[in-house]
Each structure stands twice: as C-alpha cells, then as structure tokens.
Amino acid sequence: MLLVDPIAAPPTVTVLSDPEGGAYQTVTRVQLGKPLRIPSPVDFDLDTSIFL
C-alpha cells in the first residue's frame, strides 16, 4: 500500500509491505521529495518529488 500524506509535518510518503496474517510487517517512510524503494513484487525506486 502506498500512502502520500501532504499535510504531515513534514509531508511524507509511506509504503506498507509484506502482508502477513492481516497486517503489514514492513513500513518504510520518507520525506516527500526523497526516493522511496517499492519492494517486490513491484521492485521499483519511486521518485517522490512527483508529488510536490
């Protein structure tokens, strides 16, 4: 799941991954504008500056 939160202080982008037993096991958060790794099976580096 990808969550873009432009009203957080500072604005952030979060990816929740590795679902198991009805819950995400891994949470990765970066400040808006910094790169974010989207893990497998997508396996992609997201340039979050596109959300600025």
Protein backbone atom coordinates (compact mmCIF):
# COMPACT_ATOMS: atom_id res chain seq x y z
CA MET A 1 0.00 0.00 0.00
CA LEU A 2 1.30 3.46 -0.86
CA LEU A 3 0.25 6.44 1.26
CA VAL A 4 1.05 10.03 0.27
CA ASP A 5 0.45 12.41 3.20
CA PRO A 6 0.95 16.01 2.04
CA ILE A 7 -0.34 17.52 5.31
CA ALA A 8 2.03 15.68 7.67
CA ALA A 9 4.82 17.76 9.17
CA PRO A 10 6.99 17.19 7.17
CA PRO A 11 4.97 15.76 4.24
CA THR A 12 5.71 12.04 3.80
CA VAL A 13 5.27 9.05 1.51
CA THR A 14 4.86 5.67 3.16
CA VAL A 15 4.87 2.16 1.72
CA LEU A 16 3.38 -0.69 3.73
CA SER A 17 4.54 -4.12 2.56
CA ASP A 18 4.99 -7.78 3.46
CA PRO A 19 1.38 -8.54 4.40
CA GLU A 20 1.02 -11.47 6.76
CA GLY A 21 -1.86 -12.52 8.95
CA GLY A 22 -3.93 -9.48 8.02
CA ALA A 23 -1.24 -6.93 8.90
CA TYR A 24 1.65 -5.26 7.09
CA GLN A 25 5.00 -6.34 8.51
CA THR A 26 7.18 -3.61 6.96
CA VAL A 27 6.64 0.16 7.00
CA THR A 28 9.02 2.43 5.08
CA ARG A 29 8.54 6.21 5.25
CA VAL A 30 10.43 9.05 3.57
CA GLN A 31 10.00 12.78 3.41
CA LEU A 32 8.21 13.95 0.27
CA GLY A 33 10.79 14.62 -2.44
CA LYS A 34 13.18 11.81 -1.46
CA PRO A 35 13.40 8.45 -3.26
CA LEU A 36 11.42 5.51 -1.87
CA ARG A 37 12.05 1.85 -2.63
CA ILE A 38 8.88 -0.06 -3.51
CA PRO A 39 9.72 -3.69 -2.66
CA SER A 40 8.99 -6.89 -4.58
CA PRO A 41 6.85 -7.79 -6.45
CA VAL A 42 6.80 -4.21 -7.82
CA ASP A 43 10.56 -3.73 -7.22
CA PHE A 44 10.81 -0.06 -8.15
CA ASP A 45 12.51 3.12 -6.93
CA LEU A 46 9.87 5.85 -6.70
CA ASP A 47 10.94 9.48 -7.13
CA THR A 48 8.52 11.09 -4.65
CA SER A 49 9.28 14.58 -5.96
CA ILE A 50 6.49 13.93 -8.50
CA PHE A 51 4.05 14.55 -5.62
CA LEU A 52 5.40 18.04 -4.84
